[in-house]
Amino acid sequence: MTMLRHYVDATDPKRFVEHRDPEAIARVLAIANVKFERWAAAQPVSANDSAETVISAYATEIERLKAERGFATCDVIAVMPDNPKKGELRSKFLEEHTHSEDEARFFVHGSGLFTIHSGGLCSPCAPRRATS
């Protein structure tokens, strides 16, 4: 399940709209120039599959995205509960940071949390003056 929590007032964390419909999520994120897609794997994948298996299962979509956006590489990260370096791996993603280039993320299993400071994102269900 995908969920987008859109804060309509950056100064009030209690004022937000949640979107769970993939089409609504895509529309709201497009305003912030973020592309949202849902992909179907060409073959079944599990949480324990190798990086090569995961990349192979999504090869068509990965190659399309690389061609469209000029991406050169693709890698897989798996942070499993029993990984002895789980804390170290996770800490790399906890600090707020920015990217100077576009970056694509997709999830096969589990979840992730991303915060986007868009400086003007608004949706049809939020006041026109809304920001995220």
N, C-alpha and C. Protein backbone atom coordinates (compact mmCIF):
# COMPACT_ATOMS: atom_id res chain seq x y z
N MET A 1 0.84 -1.17 0.00
CA MET A 1 0.00 0.00 0.00
C MET A 1 0.89 1.24 0.00
N THR A 2 0.49 2.22 -0.77
CA THR A 2 1.20 3.49 -0.83
C THR A 2 0.34 4.54 -0.18
N MET A 3 0.97 5.42 0.58
CA MET A 3 0.25 6.50 1.23
C MET A 3 1.09 7.77 1.14
N LEU A 4 0.45 8.85 0.76
CA LEU A 4 1.09 10.16 0.73
C LEU A 4 0.42 11.03 1.76
N ARG A 5 1.20 11.58 2.65
CA ARG A 5 0.68 12.54 3.61
C ARG A 5 1.16 13.91 3.17
N HIS A 6 0.22 14.73 2.80
CA HIS A 6 0.48 16.06 2.25
C HIS A 6 0.13 17.09 3.31
N TYR A 7 1.14 17.79 3.81
CA TYR A 7 0.92 18.80 4.84
C TYR A 7 0.49 20.09 4.16
N VAL A 8 -0.67 20.57 4.53
CA VAL A 8 -1.23 21.76 3.88
C VAL A 8 -0.79 23.05 4.55
N ASP A 9 -0.15 22.94 5.69
CA ASP A 9 0.39 24.10 6.40
C ASP A 9 1.69 23.66 7.04
N ALA A 10 2.80 24.13 6.50
CA ALA A 10 4.12 23.70 6.97
C ALA A 10 4.34 24.04 8.44
N THR A 11 3.58 24.96 8.98
CA THR A 11 3.78 25.34 10.38
C THR A 11 2.89 24.56 11.34
N ASP A 12 1.98 23.76 10.79
CA ASP A 12 1.05 23.02 11.63
C ASP A 12 1.04 21.54 11.24
N PRO A 13 1.76 20.68 11.98
CA PRO A 13 1.84 19.26 11.61
C PRO A 13 0.52 18.51 11.74
N LYS A 14 -0.50 19.15 12.29
CA LYS A 14 -1.80 18.49 12.41
C LYS A 14 -2.68 18.73 11.19
N ARG A 15 -2.24 19.62 10.31
CA ARG A 15 -3.04 19.92 9.11
C ARG A 15 -2.43 19.19 7.91
N PHE A 16 -3.00 18.05 7.61
CA PHE A 16 -2.53 17.29 6.46
C PHE A 16 -3.69 16.56 5.81
N VAL A 17 -3.43 16.16 4.58
CA VAL A 17 -4.38 15.35 3.82
C VAL A 17 -3.64 14.07 3.45
N GLU A 18 -4.29 12.94 3.67
CA GLU A 18 -3.69 11.66 3.28
C GLU A 18 -4.31 11.20 1.97
N HIS A 19 -3.45 10.75 1.08
CA HIS A 19 -3.89 10.21 -0.19
C HIS A 19 -3.44 8.75 -0.25
N ARG A 20 -4.36 7.85 -0.60
CA ARG A 20 -4.03 6.43 -0.74
C ARG A 20 -4.30 5.91 -2.15
N ASP A 21 -5.00 6.67 -2.94
CA ASP A 21 -5.28 6.30 -4.31
C ASP A 21 -4.06 6.63 -5.17
N PRO A 22 -3.49 5.63 -5.87
CA PRO A 22 -2.27 5.88 -6.66
C PRO A 22 -2.40 7.01 -7.67
N GLU A 23 -3.57 7.16 -8.30
CA GLU A 23 -3.74 8.25 -9.27
C GLU A 23 -3.73 9.61 -8.58
N ALA A 24 -4.34 9.70 -7.41
CA ALA A 24 -4.32 10.96 -6.66
C ALA A 24 -2.91 11.28 -6.19
N ILE A 25 -2.19 10.26 -5.73
CA ILE A 25 -0.80 10.46 -5.30
C ILE A 25 0.04 10.97 -6.46
N ALA A 26 -0.12 10.37 -7.62
CA ALA A 26 0.64 10.81 -8.80
C ALA A 26 0.32 12.25 -9.16
N ARG A 27 -0.95 12.64 -9.10
CA ARG A 27 -1.33 14.02 -9.43
C ARG A 27 -0.72 15.02 -8.45
N VAL A 28 -0.78 14.73 -7.17
CA VAL A 28 -0.25 15.66 -6.16
C VAL A 28 1.26 15.77 -6.29
N LEU A 29 1.95 14.64 -6.44
CA LEU A 29 3.41 14.67 -6.55
C LEU A 29 3.88 15.33 -7.84
N ALA A 30 3.10 15.22 -8.91
CA ALA A 30 3.49 15.84 -10.19
C ALA A 30 3.62 17.36 -10.03
N ILE A 31 2.83 17.95 -9.15
CA ILE A 31 2.91 19.39 -8.91
C ILE A 31 4.30 19.77 -8.39
N ALA A 32 4.91 18.85 -7.64
CA ALA A 32 6.26 19.09 -7.10
C ALA A 32 7.34 18.50 -8.02
N ASN A 33 6.95 18.16 -9.25
CA ASN A 33 7.87 17.58 -10.24
C ASN A 33 8.45 16.24 -9.78
N VAL A 34 7.62 15.48 -9.07
CA VAL A 34 8.00 14.13 -8.64
C VAL A 34 7.12 13.15 -9.41
N LYS A 35 7.76 12.21 -10.09
CA LYS A 35 7.02 11.21 -10.86
C LYS A 35 6.74 10.01 -9.96
N PHE A 36 5.49 9.58 -9.94
CA PHE A 36 5.08 8.42 -9.15
C PHE A 36 4.47 7.39 -10.07
N GLU A 37 4.98 6.15 -9.99
CA GLU A 37 4.46 5.06 -10.80
C GLU A 37 4.36 3.81 -9.93
N ARG A 38 3.50 2.89 -10.35
CA ARG A 38 3.45 1.56 -9.74
C ARG A 38 3.78 0.58 -10.84
N TRP A 39 4.71 -0.33 -10.56
CA TRP A 39 5.17 -1.29 -11.55
C TRP A 39 4.76 -2.69 -11.16
N ALA A 40 4.54 -3.52 -12.15
CA ALA A 40 4.29 -4.94 -11.94
C ALA A 40 5.56 -5.70 -12.32
N ALA A 41 5.98 -6.61 -11.49
CA ALA A 41 7.17 -7.41 -11.79
C ALA A 41 6.85 -8.40 -12.90
N ALA A 42 7.84 -8.66 -13.75
CA ALA A 42 7.69 -9.62 -14.83
C ALA A 42 7.71 -11.05 -14.31
N GLN A 43 8.22 -11.23 -13.11
CA GLN A 43 8.27 -12.54 -12.47
C GLN A 43 8.13 -12.32 -10.97
N PRO A 44 7.69 -13.31 -10.23
CA PRO A 44 7.55 -13.14 -8.78
C PRO A 44 8.91 -12.87 -8.12
N VAL A 45 8.91 -12.00 -7.12
CA VAL A 45 10.12 -11.73 -6.34
C VAL A 45 9.78 -11.84 -4.87
N SER A 46 10.79 -12.18 -4.07
CA SER A 46 10.59 -12.26 -2.63
C SER A 46 11.63 -11.37 -1.94
N ALA A 47 11.41 -11.15 -0.67
CA ALA A 47 12.31 -10.27 0.10
C ALA A 47 13.72 -10.80 0.16
N ASN A 48 13.91 -12.09 -0.02
CA ASN A 48 15.25 -12.68 0.07
C ASN A 48 15.94 -12.87 -1.27
N ASP A 49 15.33 -12.43 -2.36
CA ASP A 49 15.93 -12.60 -3.67
C ASP A 49 17.19 -11.73 -3.83
N SER A 50 18.06 -12.17 -4.71
CA SER A 50 19.29 -11.43 -4.99
C SER A 50 18.98 -10.14 -5.74
N ALA A 51 19.93 -9.22 -5.73
CA ALA A 51 19.78 -7.97 -6.46
C ALA A 51 19.55 -8.25 -7.94
N GLU A 52 20.27 -9.21 -8.48
CA GLU A 52 20.13 -9.55 -9.90
C GLU A 52 18.71 -10.01 -10.23
N THR A 53 18.11 -10.81 -9.33
CA THR A 53 16.74 -11.29 -9.55
C THR A 53 15.76 -10.14 -9.52
N VAL A 54 15.92 -9.22 -8.58
CA VAL A 54 15.02 -8.07 -8.47
C VAL A 54 15.15 -7.19 -9.71
N ILE A 55 16.38 -6.90 -10.12
CA ILE A 55 16.59 -6.05 -11.30
C ILE A 55 16.02 -6.72 -12.55
N SER A 56 16.20 -8.02 -12.67
CA SER A 56 15.66 -8.76 -13.81
C SER A 56 14.14 -8.70 -13.84
N ALA A 57 13.50 -8.80 -12.69
CA ALA A 57 12.04 -8.78 -12.62
C ALA A 57 11.46 -7.45 -13.06
N TYR A 58 12.22 -6.39 -12.89
CA TYR A 58 11.75 -5.04 -13.24
C TYR A 58 12.56 -4.44 -14.39
N ALA A 59 13.26 -5.27 -15.15
CA ALA A 59 14.19 -4.79 -16.19
C ALA A 59 13.52 -3.87 -17.21
N THR A 60 12.34 -4.21 -17.65
CA THR A 60 11.67 -3.39 -18.68
C THR A 60 11.44 -1.97 -18.16
N GLU A 61 10.89 -1.86 -16.95
CA GLU A 61 10.61 -0.54 -16.38
C GLU A 61 11.91 0.21 -16.04
N ILE A 62 12.88 -0.49 -15.53
CA ILE A 62 14.16 0.14 -15.20
C ILE A 62 14.81 0.71 -16.45
N GLU A 63 14.85 -0.09 -17.52
CA GLU A 63 15.47 0.38 -18.76
C GLU A 63 14.70 1.55 -19.36
N ARG A 64 13.37 1.50 -19.28
CA ARG A 64 12.56 2.63 -19.77
C ARG A 64 12.88 3.90 -19.00
N LEU A 65 12.96 3.79 -17.70
CA LEU A 65 13.25 4.95 -16.87
C LEU A 65 14.65 5.48 -17.13
N LYS A 66 15.61 4.59 -17.29
CA LYS A 66 16.98 5.01 -17.60
C LYS A 66 17.02 5.77 -18.92
N ALA A 67 16.30 5.28 -19.92
CA ALA A 67 16.27 5.95 -21.22
C ALA A 67 15.57 7.31 -21.13
N GLU A 68 14.45 7.37 -20.42
CA GLU A 68 13.70 8.62 -20.29
C GLU A 68 14.45 9.68 -19.50
N ARG A 69 15.11 9.27 -18.42
CA ARG A 69 15.70 10.23 -17.50
C ARG A 69 17.22 10.32 -17.56
N GLY A 70 17.84 9.47 -18.36
CA GLY A 70 19.29 9.51 -18.50
C GLY A 70 20.05 8.89 -17.35
N PHE A 71 19.39 8.04 -16.58
CA PHE A 71 20.07 7.36 -15.49
C PHE A 71 21.05 6.35 -16.06
N ALA A 72 22.18 6.18 -15.38
CA ALA A 72 23.22 5.27 -15.88
C ALA A 72 23.29 3.97 -15.09
N THR A 73 22.88 3.99 -13.83
CA THR A 73 23.07 2.81 -12.99
C THR A 73 21.79 2.45 -12.25
N CYS A 74 21.80 1.25 -11.72
CA CYS A 74 20.70 0.76 -10.89
C CYS A 74 21.31 -0.15 -9.84
N ASP A 75 20.88 -0.01 -8.61
CA ASP A 75 21.34 -0.93 -7.57
C ASP A 75 20.18 -1.27 -6.65
N VAL A 76 20.41 -2.26 -5.81
CA VAL A 76 19.39 -2.75 -4.89
C VAL A 76 19.96 -2.71 -3.49
N ILE A 77 19.15 -2.23 -2.56
CA ILE A 77 19.54 -2.30 -1.15
C ILE A 77 18.45 -3.06 -0.41
N ALA A 78 18.87 -3.96 0.43
CA ALA A 78 17.94 -4.73 1.25
C ALA A 78 18.40 -4.62 2.70
N VAL A 79 17.56 -4.06 3.52
CA VAL A 79 17.86 -3.92 4.94
C VAL A 79 16.90 -4.84 5.68
N MET A 80 17.36 -6.05 5.91
CA MET A 80 16.54 -7.07 6.56
C MET A 80 16.69 -6.96 8.08
N PRO A 81 15.66 -7.36 8.83
CA PRO A 81 15.72 -7.26 10.29
C PRO A 81 16.91 -7.97 10.93
N ASP A 82 17.39 -9.04 10.32
CA ASP A 82 18.49 -9.79 10.93
C ASP A 82 19.88 -9.36 10.42
N ASN A 83 19.93 -8.30 9.62
CA ASN A 83 21.21 -7.82 9.11
C ASN A 83 22.00 -7.17 10.25
N PRO A 84 23.23 -7.65 10.53
CA PRO A 84 24.00 -7.08 11.64
C PRO A 84 24.39 -5.61 11.41
N LYS A 85 24.36 -5.15 10.17
CA LYS A 85 24.69 -3.75 9.86
C LYS A 85 23.43 -2.92 9.59
N LYS A 86 22.27 -3.43 10.02
CA LYS A 86 21.01 -2.75 9.77
C LYS A 86 21.02 -1.31 10.26
N GLY A 87 21.49 -1.08 11.47
CA GLY A 87 21.53 0.28 12.02
C GLY A 87 22.43 1.20 11.22
N GLU A 88 23.58 0.70 10.83
CA GLU A 88 24.52 1.48 10.02
C GLU A 88 23.92 1.82 8.65
N LEU A 89 23.30 0.83 8.01
CA LEU A 89 22.67 1.07 6.71
C LEU A 89 21.53 2.07 6.84
N ARG A 90 20.71 1.88 7.84
CA ARG A 90 19.55 2.75 8.04
C ARG A 90 19.96 4.19 8.34
N SER A 91 21.04 4.36 9.10
CA SER A 91 21.47 5.71 9.49
C SER A 91 21.83 6.56 8.29
N LYS A 92 22.28 5.95 7.20
CA LYS A 92 22.60 6.70 5.99
C LYS A 92 21.38 7.40 5.42
N PHE A 93 20.20 6.87 5.71
CA PHE A 93 18.98 7.41 5.13
C PHE A 93 18.20 8.30 6.10
N LEU A 94 18.62 8.37 7.36
CA LEU A 94 17.85 9.12 8.34
C LEU A 94 18.12 10.62 8.33
N GLU A 95 19.32 11.02 8.01
CA GLU A 95 19.64 12.44 8.00
C GLU A 95 19.02 13.11 6.78
N GLU A 96 18.39 14.25 7.00
CA GLU A 96 17.82 14.98 5.88
C GLU A 96 18.95 15.45 4.98
N HIS A 97 18.78 15.25 3.70
CA HIS A 97 19.79 15.67 2.74
C HIS A 97 19.12 15.96 1.40
N THR A 98 19.86 16.58 0.52
CA THR A 98 19.33 16.89 -0.80
C THR A 98 20.20 16.22 -1.85
N HIS A 99 19.67 16.17 -3.05
CA HIS A 99 20.39 15.60 -4.18
C HIS A 99 20.50 16.65 -5.28
N SER A 100 21.65 16.73 -5.90
CA SER A 100 21.83 17.69 -6.98
C SER A 100 21.33 17.14 -8.32
N GLU A 101 21.04 15.86 -8.36
CA GLU A 101 20.53 15.25 -9.58
C GLU A 101 19.29 14.43 -9.25
N ASP A 102 18.54 14.08 -10.30
CA ASP A 102 17.36 13.24 -10.09
C ASP A 102 17.78 11.87 -9.58
N GLU A 103 16.92 11.29 -8.80
CA GLU A 103 17.17 9.97 -8.25
C GLU A 103 15.85 9.22 -8.23
N ALA A 104 15.87 7.95 -8.58
CA ALA A 104 14.66 7.13 -8.58
C ALA A 104 14.76 6.11 -7.46
N ARG A 105 13.65 5.88 -6.80
CA ARG A 105 13.56 4.86 -5.74
C ARG A 105 12.33 4.02 -6.02
N PHE A 106 12.46 2.72 -5.86
CA PHE A 106 11.26 1.89 -5.88
C PHE A 106 11.40 0.78 -4.86
N PHE A 107 10.25 0.36 -4.36
CA PHE A 107 10.20 -0.61 -3.28
C PHE A 107 9.54 -1.88 -3.77
N VAL A 108 10.18 -3.00 -3.46
CA VAL A 108 9.63 -4.30 -3.80
C VAL A 108 8.93 -4.88 -2.57
N HIS A 109 9.55 -4.73 -1.42
CA HIS A 109 9.00 -5.20 -0.14
C HIS A 109 9.30 -4.14 0.91
N GLY A 110 8.51 -4.09 1.95
CA GLY A 110 8.79 -3.18 3.05
C GLY A 110 8.24 -1.79 2.80
N SER A 111 8.90 -0.82 3.40
CA SER A 111 8.39 0.54 3.29
C SER A 111 9.54 1.54 3.37
N GLY A 112 9.23 2.75 3.03
CA GLY A 112 10.18 3.84 3.12
C GLY A 112 9.43 5.13 3.39
N LEU A 113 10.12 6.08 3.92
CA LEU A 113 9.52 7.37 4.22
C LEU A 113 10.38 8.44 3.58
N PHE A 114 9.77 9.28 2.77
CA PHE A 114 10.48 10.38 2.13
C PHE A 114 9.79 11.68 2.47
N THR A 115 10.56 12.70 2.72
CA THR A 115 10.03 14.04 2.95
C THR A 115 10.47 14.91 1.80
N ILE A 116 9.52 15.59 1.19
CA ILE A 116 9.82 16.46 0.06
C ILE A 116 9.41 17.87 0.44
N HIS A 117 10.36 18.78 0.40
CA HIS A 117 10.06 20.19 0.63
C HIS A 117 9.89 20.82 -0.75
N SER A 118 8.64 21.02 -1.16
CA SER A 118 8.40 21.45 -2.53
C SER A 118 8.23 22.95 -2.66
N GLY A 119 7.98 23.65 -1.58
CA GLY A 119 7.84 25.10 -1.65
C GLY A 119 6.59 25.58 -2.36
N GLY A 120 5.55 24.78 -2.42
CA GLY A 120 4.33 25.27 -3.05
C GLY A 120 3.39 24.18 -3.49
N LEU A 121 3.65 22.98 -3.08
CA LEU A 121 2.78 21.86 -3.44
C LEU A 121 1.39 22.10 -2.87
N CYS A 122 0.40 21.97 -3.71
CA CYS A 122 -0.97 22.07 -3.22
C CYS A 122 -1.81 21.05 -3.96
N SER A 123 -2.90 20.69 -3.40
CA SER A 123 -3.79 19.73 -4.05
C SER A 123 -5.19 20.31 -4.11
N PRO A 124 -6.05 19.72 -4.94
CA PRO A 124 -7.42 20.22 -5.05
C PRO A 124 -8.19 20.16 -3.74
N CYS A 125 -7.76 19.29 -2.81
CA CYS A 125 -8.52 19.16 -1.56
C CYS A 125 -7.92 20.02 -0.45
N ALA A 126 -6.95 20.85 -0.78
CA ALA A 126 -6.32 21.71 0.22
C ALA A 126 -6.53 23.16 -0.18
N PRO A 127 -6.46 24.08 0.79
CA PRO A 127 -6.59 25.50 0.46
C PRO A 127 -5.55 25.93 -0.56
N ARG A 128 -5.86 26.87 -1.41
CA ARG A 128 -4.96 27.33 -2.46
C ARG A 128 -3.64 27.87 -1.90
N ARG A 129 -3.62 28.39 -0.72
CA ARG A 129 -2.39 28.94 -0.14
C ARG A 129 -1.53 27.86 0.50
N ALA A 130 -1.94 26.64 0.38
CA ALA A 130 -1.25 25.53 1.06
C ALA A 130 0.16 25.33 0.54
N THR A 131 1.04 24.94 1.45
CA THR A 131 2.39 24.53 1.10
C THR A 131 2.69 23.25 1.85
N SER A 132 3.70 22.55 1.39
CA SER A 132 4.05 21.31 2.09
C SER A 132 5.38 21.48 2.78
